[in-house]
C-alpha atoms as a PDB file:
ATOM      1  CA  MET A   1    -112.230  15.171  -4.701  1.00  0.00           C
ATOM      2  CA  ARG A   2    -111.075  18.371  -3.061  1.00  0.00           C
ATOM      3  CA  MET A   3    -107.272  18.372  -3.395  1.00  0.00           C
ATOM      4  CA  HIS A   4    -107.351  21.776  -5.111  1.00  0.00           C
ATOM      5  CA  SER A   5    -109.355  23.242  -2.261  1.00  0.00           C
ATOM      6  CA  ALA A   6    -107.071  21.762   0.387  1.00  0.00           C
ATOM      7  CA  THR A   7    -103.876  23.095  -1.170  1.00  0.00           C
ATOM      8  CA  LYS A   8    -105.441  26.504  -1.709  1.00  0.00           C
ATOM      9  CA  TYR A   9    -106.309  26.700   1.987  1.00  0.00           C
ATOM     10  CA  LEU A  10    -102.800  25.594   3.003  1.00  0.00           C
ATOM     11  CA  SER A  11    -101.618  29.187   2.921  1.00  0.00           C
ATOM     12  CA  ALA A  12    -104.812  30.494   4.460  1.00  0.00           C
ATOM     13  CA  LEU A  13    -104.493  28.278   7.516  1.00  0.00           C
ATOM     14  CA  ALA A  14    -100.729  28.487   7.799  1.00  0.00           C
ATOM     15  CA  LEU A  15    -100.655  32.231   7.710  1.00  0.00           C
ATOM     16  CA  SER A  16    -103.712  32.815   9.837  1.00  0.00           C
ATOM     17  CA  LEU A  17    -105.926  34.098   7.040  1.00  0.00           C
ATOM     18  CA  CYS A  18    -108.641  31.858   8.329  1.00  0.00           C
ATOM     19  CA  LEU A  19    -108.352  33.607  11.659  1.00  0.00           C
ATOM     20  CA  ALA A  20    -109.753  36.659   9.927  1.00  0.00           C
ATOM     21  CA  GLY A  21    -112.214  34.743   7.795  1.00  0.00           C
ATOM     22  CA  VAL A  22    -110.754  36.161   4.603  1.00  0.00           C
ATOM     23  CA  ALA A  23    -109.487  32.948   2.990  1.00  0.00           C
ATOM     24  CA  PRO A  24    -109.910  32.637  -0.798  1.00  0.00           C
ATOM     25  CA  SER A  25    -112.804  30.745  -2.353  1.00  0.00           C
ATOM     26  CA  ALA A  26    -112.302  27.074  -3.171  1.00  0.00           C
ATOM     27  CA  GLN A  27    -112.649  25.125  -6.372  1.00  0.00           C
ATOM     28  CA  THR A  28    -112.570  21.422  -7.223  1.00  0.00           C
ATOM     29  CA  PRO A  29    -109.791  19.437  -8.992  1.00  0.00           C
ATOM     30  CA  PRO A  30    -108.952  15.729  -9.151  1.00  0.00           C
ATOM     31  CA  GLU A  31    -107.743  13.975  -6.009  1.00  0.00           C
ATOM     32  CA  GLN A  32    -104.425  12.167  -5.972  1.00  0.00           C
ATOM     33  CA  ARG A  33    -102.070  10.876  -3.291  1.00  0.00           C
ATOM     34  CA  SER A  34     -98.313  11.377  -3.119  1.00  0.00           C
ATOM     35  CA  LYS A  35     -96.647   7.955  -2.917  1.00  0.00           C
ATOM     36  CA  LYS A  36     -93.226   9.179  -1.822  1.00  0.00           C
ATOM     37  CA  ALA A  37     -94.169  11.813   0.718  1.00  0.00           C
ATOM     38  CA  LYS A  38     -94.423  10.798   4.352  1.00  0.00           C
ATOM     39  CA  PRO A  39     -97.347  12.288   6.312  1.00  0.00           C
ATOM     40  CA  ALA A  40     -96.259  14.816   8.922  1.00  0.00           C
ATOM     41  CA  ALA A  41     -98.934  13.641  11.334  1.00  0.00           C
ATOM     42  CA  THR A  42    -102.222  11.773  11.347  1.00  0.00           C
ATOM     43  CA  PRO A  43    -105.064  14.234  11.941  1.00  0.00           C
ATOM     44  CA  ALA A  44    -107.177  13.535  14.996  1.00  0.00           C
ATOM     45  CA  PRO A  45    -110.960  13.873  14.885  1.00  0.00           C
ATOM     46  CA  THR A  46    -112.217  17.424  14.642  1.00  0.00           C
ATOM     47  CA  PRO A  47    -112.698  18.739  18.195  1.00  0.00           C
ATOM     48  CA  SER A  48    -115.974  20.001  19.535  1.00  0.00           C
ATOM     49  CA  PRO A  49    -116.402  22.866  22.014  1.00  0.00           C
ATOM     50  CA  THR A  50    -115.837  21.944  25.643  1.00  0.00           C
ATOM     51  CA  PRO A  51    -119.190  21.226  27.337  1.00  0.00           C
ATOM     52  CA  GLY A  52    -120.128  23.643  30.067  1.00  0.00           C
ATOM     53  CA  ALA A  53    -117.550  26.269  29.177  1.00  0.00           C
ATOM     54  CA  THR A  54    -118.782  29.756  30.017  1.00  0.00           C
ATOM     55  CA  PRO A  55    -117.175  32.497  27.900  1.00  0.00           C
ATOM     56  CA  ALA A  56    -116.054  35.666  29.653  1.00  0.00           C
ATOM     57  CA  SER A  57    -117.404  38.949  28.333  1.00  0.00           C
ATOM     58  CA  PRO A  58    -115.352  40.520  25.525  1.00  0.00           C
ATOM     59  CA  GLN A  59    -115.122  43.719  27.575  1.00  0.00           C
ATOM     60  CA  GLU A  60    -113.466  41.881  30.455  1.00  0.00           C
ATOM     61  CA  SER A  61    -111.227  39.859  28.178  1.00  0.00           C
ATOM     62  CA  THR A  62    -109.888  42.704  26.073  1.00  0.00           C
ATOM     63  CA  GLY A  63    -109.437  45.088  28.959  1.00  0.00           C
ATOM     64  CA  SER A  64    -111.378  47.795  27.126  1.00  0.00           C
ATOM     65  CA  ALA A  65    -113.321  49.963  29.511  1.00  0.00           C
ATOM     66  CA  ALA A  66    -115.857  50.927  26.850  1.00  0.00           C
ATOM     67  CA  GLY A  67    -116.336  47.365  25.650  1.00  0.00           C
ATOM     68  CA  LYS A  68    -114.891  48.181  22.203  1.00  0.00           C
ATOM     69  CA  PRO A  69    -112.513  45.477  20.896  1.00  0.00           C
ATOM     70  CA  SER A  70    -108.931  46.602  21.336  1.00  0.00           C
ATOM     71  CA  ILE A  71    -105.350  45.353  21.218  1.00  0.00           C
ATOM     72  CA  LYS A  72    -103.852  44.823  24.665  1.00  0.00           C
ATOM     73  CA  LYS A  73    -100.195  45.487  25.328  1.00  0.00           C
ATOM     74  CA  PRO A  74     -98.296  42.227  25.907  1.00  0.00           C
ATOM     75  CA  GLY A  75     -97.766  41.290  29.543  1.00  0.00           C
ATOM     76  CA  SER A  76     -94.308  40.987  31.068  1.00  0.00           C
ATOM     77  CA  GLN A  77     -94.645  37.195  31.095  1.00  0.00           C
ATOM     78  CA  TYR A  78     -94.725  36.937  27.287  1.00  0.00           C
ATOM     79  CA  HIS A  79     -91.672  37.401  25.073  1.00  0.00           C
ATOM     80  CA  LEU A  80     -91.707  37.306  21.288  1.00  0.00           C
ATOM     81  CA  PRO A  81     -89.776  34.238  20.019  1.00  0.00           C
ATOM     82  CA  VAL A  82     -87.162  36.292  18.171  1.00  0.00           C
ATOM     83  CA  GLY A  83     -84.854  34.187  16.023  1.00  0.00           C
ATOM     84  CA  GLN A  84     -87.154  31.159  16.003  1.00  0.00           C
ATOM     85  CA  THR A  85     -88.733  29.558  12.945  1.00  0.00           C
ATOM     86  CA  TYR A  86     -91.673  27.190  13.370  1.00  0.00           C
ATOM     87  CA  VAL A  87     -91.802  24.557  10.618  1.00  0.00           C
ATOM     88  CA  TYR A  88     -95.120  22.792   9.962  1.00  0.00           C
ATOM     89  CA  GLY A  89     -96.246  19.878   7.850  1.00  0.00           C
ATOM     90  CA  ALA A  90     -99.701  20.127   6.282  1.00  0.00           C
ATOM     91  CA  VAL A  91    -101.941  17.064   5.937  1.00  0.00           C
ATOM     92  CA  TRP A  92    -105.270  16.917   4.124  1.00  0.00           C
ATOM     93  CA  ARG A  93    -107.141  13.841   5.329  1.00  0.00           C
ATOM     94  CA  VAL A  94    -104.198  11.369   5.089  1.00  0.00           C
ATOM     95  CA  PHE A  95    -102.336  13.099   2.268  1.00  0.00           C
ATOM     96  CA  ASN A  96     -99.322  15.384   2.513  1.00  0.00           C
ATOM     97  CA  ALA A  97    -100.315  18.846   1.289  1.00  0.00           C
ATOM     98  CA  GLY A  98     -97.216  20.965   1.885  1.00  0.00           C
ATOM     99  CA  ILE A  99     -94.903  22.828   4.249  1.00  0.00           C
ATOM    100  CA  ALA A 100     -95.484  26.100   6.101  1.00  0.00           C
ATOM    101  CA  THR A 101     -93.120  28.220   8.182  1.00  0.00           C
ATOM    102  CA  LEU A 102     -93.521  31.101  10.617  1.00  0.00           C
ATOM    103  CA  ARG A 103     -90.562  33.198  11.786  1.00  0.00           C
ATOM    104  CA  MET A 104     -90.125  36.150  14.168  1.00  0.00           C
ATOM    105  CA  GLU A 105     -87.101  38.450  14.089  1.00  0.00           C
ATOM    106  CA  HIS A 106     -85.958  41.962  14.973  1.00  0.00           C
ATOM    107  CA  ALA A 107     -86.050  44.720  12.340  1.00  0.00           C
ATOM    108  CA  GLY A 108     -84.618  47.720  14.170  1.00  0.00           C
ATOM    109  CA  PRO A 109     -87.170  48.787  16.798  1.00  0.00           C
ATOM    110  CA  GLU A 110     -89.914  46.724  15.158  1.00  0.00           C
ATOM    111  CA  GLY A 111     -90.772  43.043  15.061  1.00  0.00           C
ATOM    112  CA  ARG A 112     -90.731  41.347  11.663  1.00  0.00           C
ATOM    113  CA  VAL A 113     -92.837  38.251  11.005  1.00  0.00           C
ATOM    114  CA  VAL A 114     -92.281  36.136   7.896  1.00  0.00           C
ATOM    115  CA  GLY A 115     -94.670  33.383   6.864  1.00  0.00           C
ATOM    116  CA  THR A 116     -94.462  30.954   3.958  1.00  0.00           C
ATOM    117  CA  ALA A 117     -96.680  28.224   2.535  1.00  0.00           C
ATOM    118  CA  ASP A 118     -95.658  25.819  -0.220  1.00  0.00           C
ATOM    119  CA  ALA A 119     -97.422  22.851  -1.757  1.00  0.00           C
ATOM    120  CA  THR A 120     -95.102  19.846  -2.100  1.00  0.00           C
ATOM    121  CA  GLY A 121     -94.883  16.517  -3.906  1.00  0.00           C
ATOM    122  CA  THR A 122     -97.750  15.395  -6.122  1.00  0.00           C
ATOM    123  CA  VAL A 123     -99.964  18.115  -4.674  1.00  0.00           C
ATOM    124  CA  ALA A 124     -97.578  20.754  -6.034  1.00  0.00           C
ATOM    125  CA  VAL A 125     -97.878  19.207  -9.494  1.00  0.00           C
ATOM    126  CA  LEU A 126    -101.680  19.311  -9.307  1.00  0.00           C
ATOM    127  CA  TYR A 127    -101.905  22.816  -7.900  1.00  0.00           C
ATOM    128  CA  HIS A 128     -99.092  25.311  -7.410  1.00  0.00           C
ATOM    129  CA  VAL A 129     -98.965  27.139  -4.052  1.00  0.00           C
ATOM    130  CA  GLN A 130     -96.020  29.368  -3.119  1.00  0.00           C
ATOM    131  CA  ASP A 131     -97.047  32.206  -0.797  1.00  0.00           C
ATOM    132  CA  ARG A 132     -94.878  34.672   1.112  1.00  0.00           C
ATOM    133  CA  TYR A 133     -96.125  37.044   3.808  1.00  0.00           C
ATOM    134  CA  GLU A 134     -94.233  39.722   5.760  1.00  0.00           C
ATOM    135  CA  SER A 135     -95.595  41.747   8.655  1.00  0.00           C
ATOM    136  CA  PHE A 136     -94.089  44.493  10.820  1.00  0.00           C
ATOM    137  CA  LEU A 137     -95.390  45.328  14.295  1.00  0.00           C
ATOM    138  CA  ASP A 138     -94.589  47.437  17.328  1.00  0.00           C
ATOM    139  CA  PRO A 139     -93.412  44.943  20.007  1.00  0.00           C
ATOM    140  CA  ALA A 140     -94.406  47.306  22.841  1.00  0.00           C
ATOM    141  CA  THR A 141     -98.034  47.724  21.745  1.00  0.00           C
ATOM    142  CA  PHE A 142     -98.634  44.869  19.265  1.00  0.00           C
ATOM    143  CA  CYS A 143    -100.029  47.418  16.786  1.00  0.00           C
ATOM    144  CA  SER A 144     -99.338  46.238  13.240  1.00  0.00           C
ATOM    145  CA  ARG A 145     -97.403  48.637  11.012  1.00  0.00           C
ATOM    146  CA  SER A 146     -97.640  46.933   7.619  1.00  0.00           C
ATOM    147  CA  LEU A 147     -98.348  43.665   5.853  1.00  0.00           C
ATOM    148  CA  SER A 148     -97.106  42.447   2.469  1.00  0.00           C
ATOM    149  CA  LYS A 149     -98.339  39.378   0.591  1.00  0.00           C
ATOM    150  CA  HIS A 150     -96.947  37.670  -2.476  1.00  0.00           C
ATOM    151  CA  ILE A 151     -99.491  35.043  -3.490  1.00  0.00           C
ATOM    152  CA  GLU A 152     -98.958  32.321  -6.082  1.00  0.00           C
ATOM    153  CA  GLU A 153    -101.888  29.895  -6.166  1.00  0.00           C
ATOM    154  CA  GLY A 154    -102.622  28.010  -9.373  1.00  0.00           C
ATOM    155  CA  PHE A 155    -102.459  30.659 -12.116  1.00  0.00           C
ATOM    156  CA  ARG A 156    -103.139  33.454  -9.635  1.00  0.00           C
ATOM    157  CA  ARG A 157    -100.300  35.923  -8.999  1.00  0.00           C
ATOM    158  CA  VAL A 158    -100.982  38.788  -6.600  1.00  0.00           C
ATOM    159  CA  GLN A 159     -98.800  41.297  -4.753  1.00  0.00           C
ATOM    160  CA  ALA A 160    -100.574  43.180  -1.981  1.00  0.00           C
ATOM    161  CA  ASP A 161     -99.080  45.806   0.327  1.00  0.00           C
ATOM    162  CA  ILE A 162    -101.029  47.165   3.305  1.00  0.00           C
ATOM    163  CA  THR A 163     -99.887  50.126   5.399  1.00  0.00           C
ATOM    164  CA  PHE A 164    -101.564  50.962   8.703  1.00  0.00           C
ATOM    165  CA  ASP A 165    -101.439  54.748   8.997  1.00  0.00           C
ATOM    166  CA  TYR A 166    -102.489  55.526  12.568  1.00  0.00           C
ATOM    167  CA  GLU A 167    -102.090  59.294  12.153  1.00  0.00           C
ATOM    168  CA  LYS A 168    -104.708  59.281   9.380  1.00  0.00           C
ATOM    169  CA  ASN A 169    -106.589  56.358  10.975  1.00  0.00           C
ATOM    170  CA  LYS A 170    -106.575  54.471   7.671  1.00  0.00           C
ATOM    171  CA  ALA A 171    -105.565  51.129   6.213  1.00  0.00           C
ATOM    172  CA  LEU A 172    -103.960  51.791   2.818  1.00  0.00           C
ATOM    173  CA  LEU A 173    -104.078  48.903   0.336  1.00  0.00           C
ATOM    174  CA  GLU A 174    -102.099  48.682  -2.892  1.00  0.00           C
ATOM    175  CA  GLN A 175    -102.758  45.468  -4.790  1.00  0.00           C
ATOM    176  CA  LYS A 176    -101.421  44.266  -8.147  1.00  0.00           C
ATOM    177  CA  ASN A 177    -102.711  41.319 -10.125  1.00  0.00           C
ATOM    178  CA  LEU A 178     -99.452  40.240 -11.734  1.00  0.00           C
ATOM    179  CA  ALA A 179    -101.166  37.789 -14.099  1.00  0.00           C
ATOM    180  CA  LYS A 180    -103.835  40.172 -15.399  1.00  0.00           C
ATOM    181  CA  LYS A 181    -101.580  43.252 -15.239  1.00  0.00           C
ATOM    182  CA  ASP A 182    -104.069  45.378 -13.307  1.00  0.00           C
ATOM    183  CA  SER A 183    -103.985  47.059  -9.923  1.00  0.00           C
ATOM    184  CA  LYS A 184    -106.136  48.802  -7.346  1.00  0.00           C
ATOM    185  CA  GLN A 185    -105.725  51.164  -4.408  1.00  0.00           C
ATOM    186  CA  GLU A 186    -108.108  51.411  -1.467  1.00  0.00           C
ATOM    187  CA  GLU A 187    -108.409  53.248   1.842  1.00  0.00           C
ATOM    188  CA  HIS A 188    -110.439  51.993   4.798  1.00  0.00           C
ATOM    189  CA  PRO A 189    -110.894  53.374   8.334  1.00  0.00           C
ATOM    190  CA  LEU A 190    -108.870  51.643  11.036  1.00  0.00           C
ATOM    191  CA  GLY A 191    -110.626  52.594  14.257  1.00  0.00           C
ATOM    192  CA  GLY A 192    -107.401  52.447  16.286  1.00  0.00           C
ATOM    193  CA  CYS A 193    -104.625  49.920  16.866  1.00  0.00           C
ATOM    194  CA  VAL A 194    -105.129  46.652  14.949  1.00  0.00           C
ATOM    195  CA  THR A 195    -103.324  43.386  14.364  1.00  0.00           C
ATOM    196  CA  ASP A 196    -103.015  41.637  10.983  1.00  0.00           C
ATOM    197  CA  VAL A 197    -103.538  38.097   9.736  1.00  0.00           C
ATOM    198  CA  LEU A 198     -99.902  37.119  10.352  1.00  0.00           C
ATOM    199  CA  SER A 199     -99.009  38.960  13.566  1.00  0.00           C
ATOM    200  CA  ALA A 200    -102.310  37.803  15.089  1.00  0.00           C
ATOM    201  CA  LEU A 201    -100.831  34.367  15.789  1.00  0.00           C
ATOM    202  CA  TYR A 202     -98.343  35.992  18.167  1.00  0.00           C
ATOM    203  CA  TYR A 203    -100.884  38.388  19.614  1.00  0.00           C
ATOM    204  CA  VAL A 204    -103.120  35.477  20.600  1.00  0.00           C
ATOM    205  CA  ALA A 205    -100.114  33.798  22.227  1.00  0.00           C
ATOM    206  CA  SER A 206     -99.652  36.850  24.464  1.00  0.00           C
ATOM    207  CA  LEU A 207    -103.195  36.651  25.895  1.00  0.00           C
ATOM    208  CA  PRO A 208    -103.972  34.910  29.238  1.00  0.00           C
ATOM    209  CA  LEU A 209    -106.015  32.201  27.430  1.00  0.00           C
ATOM    210  CA  GLN A 210    -108.095  31.156  30.409  1.00  0.00           C
ATOM    211  CA  THR A 211    -110.286  28.149  29.650  1.00  0.00           C
ATOM    212  CA  GLY A 212    -113.901  29.155  29.072  1.00  0.00           C
ATOM    213  CA  SER A 213    -113.058  32.777  28.254  1.00  0.00           C
ATOM    214  CA  THR A 214    -113.603  34.687  25.031  1.00  0.00           C
ATOM    215  CA  TYR A 215    -111.107  37.343  23.913  1.00  0.00           C
ATOM    216  CA  THR A 216    -112.141  39.944  21.353  1.00  0.00           C
ATOM    217  CA  PHE A 217    -109.764  42.034  19.245  1.00  0.00           C
ATOM    218  CA  PRO A 218    -109.667  44.032  15.973  1.00  0.00           C
ATOM    219  CA  LEU A 219    -107.916  42.685  12.880  1.00  0.00           C
ATOM    220  CA  ASN A 220    -107.402  44.350   9.519  1.00  0.00           C
ATOM    221  CA  ASP A 221    -106.428  42.776   6.192  1.00  0.00           C
ATOM    222  CA  GLY A 222    -106.581  45.872   4.016  1.00  0.00           C
ATOM    223  CA  GLY A 223    -110.368  46.240   4.041  1.00  0.00           C
ATOM    224  CA  ASP A 224    -112.805  46.967   6.826  1.00  0.00           C
ATOM    225  CA  THR A 225    -111.549  46.171  10.316  1.00  0.00           C
ATOM    226  CA  LEU A 226    -112.962  42.877  11.569  1.00  0.00           C
ATOM    227  CA  THR A 227    -113.737  41.808  15.110  1.00  0.00           C
ATOM    228  CA  VAL A 228    -112.237  38.439  16.033  1.00  0.00           C
ATOM    229  CA  ASN A 229    -113.853  36.454  18.835  1.00  0.00           C
ATOM    230  CA  LEU A 230    -111.353  33.958  20.234  1.00  0.00           C
ATOM    231  CA  HIS A 231    -112.927  31.172  22.304  1.00  0.00           C
ATOM    232  CA  VAL A 232    -110.627  29.279  24.693  1.00  0.00           C
ATOM    233  CA  GLU A 233    -112.094  25.791  24.700  1.00  0.00           C
ATOM    234  CA  ALA A 234    -109.932  23.235  26.514  1.00  0.00           C
ATOM    235  CA  ARG A 235    -106.540  21.943  27.560  1.00  0.00           C
ATOM    236  CA  GLU A 236    -105.227  18.919  25.670  1.00  0.00           C
ATOM    237  CA  GLN A 237    -102.018  16.954  25.180  1.00  0.00           C
ATOM    238  CA  ILE A 238    -100.800  16.942  21.558  1.00  0.00           C
ATOM    239  CA  LYS A 239     -98.103  14.664  20.111  1.00  0.00           C
ATOM    240  CA  THR A 240     -96.063  16.058  17.227  1.00  0.00           C
ATOM    241  CA  PRO A 241     -92.759  15.242  15.491  1.00  0.00           C
ATOM    242  CA  ALA A 242     -91.318  18.151  17.510  1.00  0.00           C
ATOM    243  CA  GLY A 243     -92.358  16.538  20.811  1.00  0.00           C
ATOM    244  CA  THR A 244     -95.361  16.095  23.072  1.00  0.00           C
ATOM    245  CA  PHE A 245     -96.957  19.285  24.345  1.00  0.00           C
ATOM    246  CA  ASN A 246     -99.572  20.214  26.916  1.00  0.00           C
ATOM    247  CA  THR A 247    -101.674  22.683  24.967  1.00  0.00           C
ATOM    248  CA  ILE A 248    -104.553  25.162  25.090  1.00  0.00           C
ATOM    249  CA  ARG A 249    -107.103  24.797  22.284  1.00  0.00           C
ATOM    250  CA  VAL A 250    -108.637  28.003  20.927  1.00  0.00           C
ATOM    251  CA  GLN A 251    -111.220  28.617  18.224  1.00  0.00           C
ATOM    252  CA  PRO A 252    -111.279  32.001  16.421  1.00  0.00           C
ATOM    253  CA  GLU A 253    -114.304  33.274  14.534  1.00  0.00           C
ATOM    254  CA  THR A 254    -115.552  36.504  12.988  1.00  0.00           C
ATOM    255  CA  PRO A 255    -119.131  37.804  12.578  1.00  0.00           C
ATOM    256  CA  THR A 256    -118.245  38.734   8.956  1.00  0.00           C
ATOM    257  CA  GLY A 257    -115.842  37.452   6.323  1.00  0.00           C
ATOM    258  CA  LEU A 258    -115.740  34.669   3.758  1.00  0.00           C
ATOM    259  CA  LEU A 259    -115.197  31.980   6.394  1.00  0.00           C
ATOM    260  CA  LYS A 260    -118.514  32.726   8.087  1.00  0.00           C
ATOM    261  CA  ASN A 261    -120.816  29.674   8.068  1.00  0.00           C
ATOM    262  CA  LYS A 262    -118.330  27.718   5.922  1.00  0.00           C
ATOM    263  CA  GLY A 263    -116.283  25.922   8.548  1.00  0.00           C
ATOM    264  CA  LYS A 264    -114.270  26.162  11.754  1.00  0.00           C
ATOM    265  CA  ILE A 265    -110.659  26.750  12.719  1.00  0.00           C
ATOM    266  CA  TRP A 266    -108.802  25.532  15.815  1.00  0.00           C
ATOM    267  CA  ILE A 267    -105.291  26.385  17.008  1.00  0.00           C
ATOM    268  CA  TRP A 268    -103.395  24.616  19.803  1.00  0.00           C
ATOM    269  CA  TYR A 269    -100.853  26.683  21.774  1.00  0.00           C
ATOM    270  CA  SER A 270     -98.334  25.187  24.179  1.00  0.00           C
ATOM    271  CA  ASP A 271     -99.515  25.635  27.766  1.00  0.00           C
ATOM    272  CA  ASP A 272     -96.372  27.375  28.991  1.00  0.00           C
ATOM    273  CA  ALA A 273     -94.663  30.755  28.804  1.00  0.00           C
ATOM    274  CA  ALA A 274     -93.487  30.132  25.202  1.00  0.00           C
ATOM    275  CA  ARG A 275     -97.051  29.715  23.851  1.00  0.00           C
ATOM    276  CA  ILE A 276     -95.881  27.946  20.709  1.00  0.00           C
ATOM    277  CA  PRO A 277     -98.576  27.370  18.068  1.00  0.00           C
ATOM    278  CA  VAL A 278     -98.209  23.582  18.017  1.00  0.00           C
ATOM    279  CA  GLN A 279    -101.063  22.634  15.714  1.00  0.00           C
ATOM    280  CA  ALA A 280    -103.822  24.217  13.627  1.00  0.00           C
ATOM    281  CA  ARG A 281    -106.834  22.647  11.946  1.00  0.00           C
ATOM    282  CA  ALA A 282    -109.419  23.845   9.440  1.00  0.00           C
ATOM    283  CA  HIS A 283    -112.633  21.814   9.182  1.00  0.00           C
ATOM    284  CA  MET A 284    -114.311  22.955   5.965  1.00  0.00           C
ATOM    285  CA  TYR A 285    -116.990  21.611   3.639  1.00  0.00           C
ATOM    286  CA  TRP A 286    -114.281  19.981   1.467  1.00  0.00           C
ATOM    287  CA  GLY A 287    -112.572  18.171   4.343  1.00  0.00           C
ATOM    288  CA  THR A 288    -110.076  18.745   7.143  1.00  0.00           C
ATOM    289  CA  LEU A 289    -106.627  20.291   6.782  1.00  0.00           C
ATOM    290  CA  THR A 290    -104.180  19.989   9.689  1.00  0.00           C
ATOM    291  CA  LEU A 291    -100.866  21.795  10.259  1.00  0.00           C
ATOM    292  CA  THR A 292     -98.588  20.083  12.789  1.00  0.00           C
ATOM    293  CA  LEU A 293     -95.300  21.396  14.181  1.00  0.00           C
ATOM    294  CA  GLN A 294     -92.351  19.437  12.790  1.00  0.00           C
ATOM    295  CA  ARG A 295     -89.462  21.301  14.385  1.00  0.00           C
ATOM    296  CA  ILE A 296     -88.270  24.678  15.684  1.00  0.00           C
ATOM    297  CA  ASP A 297     -85.209  26.191  14.031  1.00  0.00           C
ATOM    298  CA  ARG A 298     -83.269  28.596  16.237  1.00  0.00           C
ATOM    299  CA  LYS A 299     -80.808  30.810  14.390  1.00  0.00           C
END
């Protein structure tokens, strides 16, 4: 019933758009199962918050003396996984939905993050998804420098380029609708150092992630800067094709954004120094979409 919606949210979940609550709206197409594709993993029941967990105050969690959400510099214990590509399989209910990847590499003095999301098999025939994201950040501060998106979803074709100009304290958006041949330019206040929807996955990995705590930080996707509240819920063991991991389950949410009151997102990070995003799940009104780590390519 909701195959179109699931494939459309493949890129949103894979590339952390749902973390910001800015995922695209969903529509409804026919449902059909791929007979040849092998599921990457069988989704477990949607988790519920850990009973009795007491969130820490955002002020304490972010390290901001004034209580304003801020980006913390990464601690010495965390190192960006340069040269590593995480490969995920996406499953909607019991159906294969596609493949997503996330890669970190050096680009001179900056960090470069590349994310992709592609529908595969029968799903790709029903609804085309081929998205490419590229983000640049300062590894010493975790401040995002820029974000580019090339989005192909159904008949939609969009190229968006966002520059974070800290001298002018502005997010500069240039967006082109390649199908309709129109474009727009916008400027929005930043309010200081921010992360973006792609780099945020690594920023979260750098946080202490103490069970029962809530970490608050600013995120910008070319519009107004959003406040993300990240709740650290529980420790769990997760089995994936890439191995079995002891993990930390977190749940991000935003007070504003299109995701508000429409569903929940969970991400499982490995409970070690690497902090690998092992699994992610979106529980929406149209069903549950799960991304599970298949392998890690190192080259």
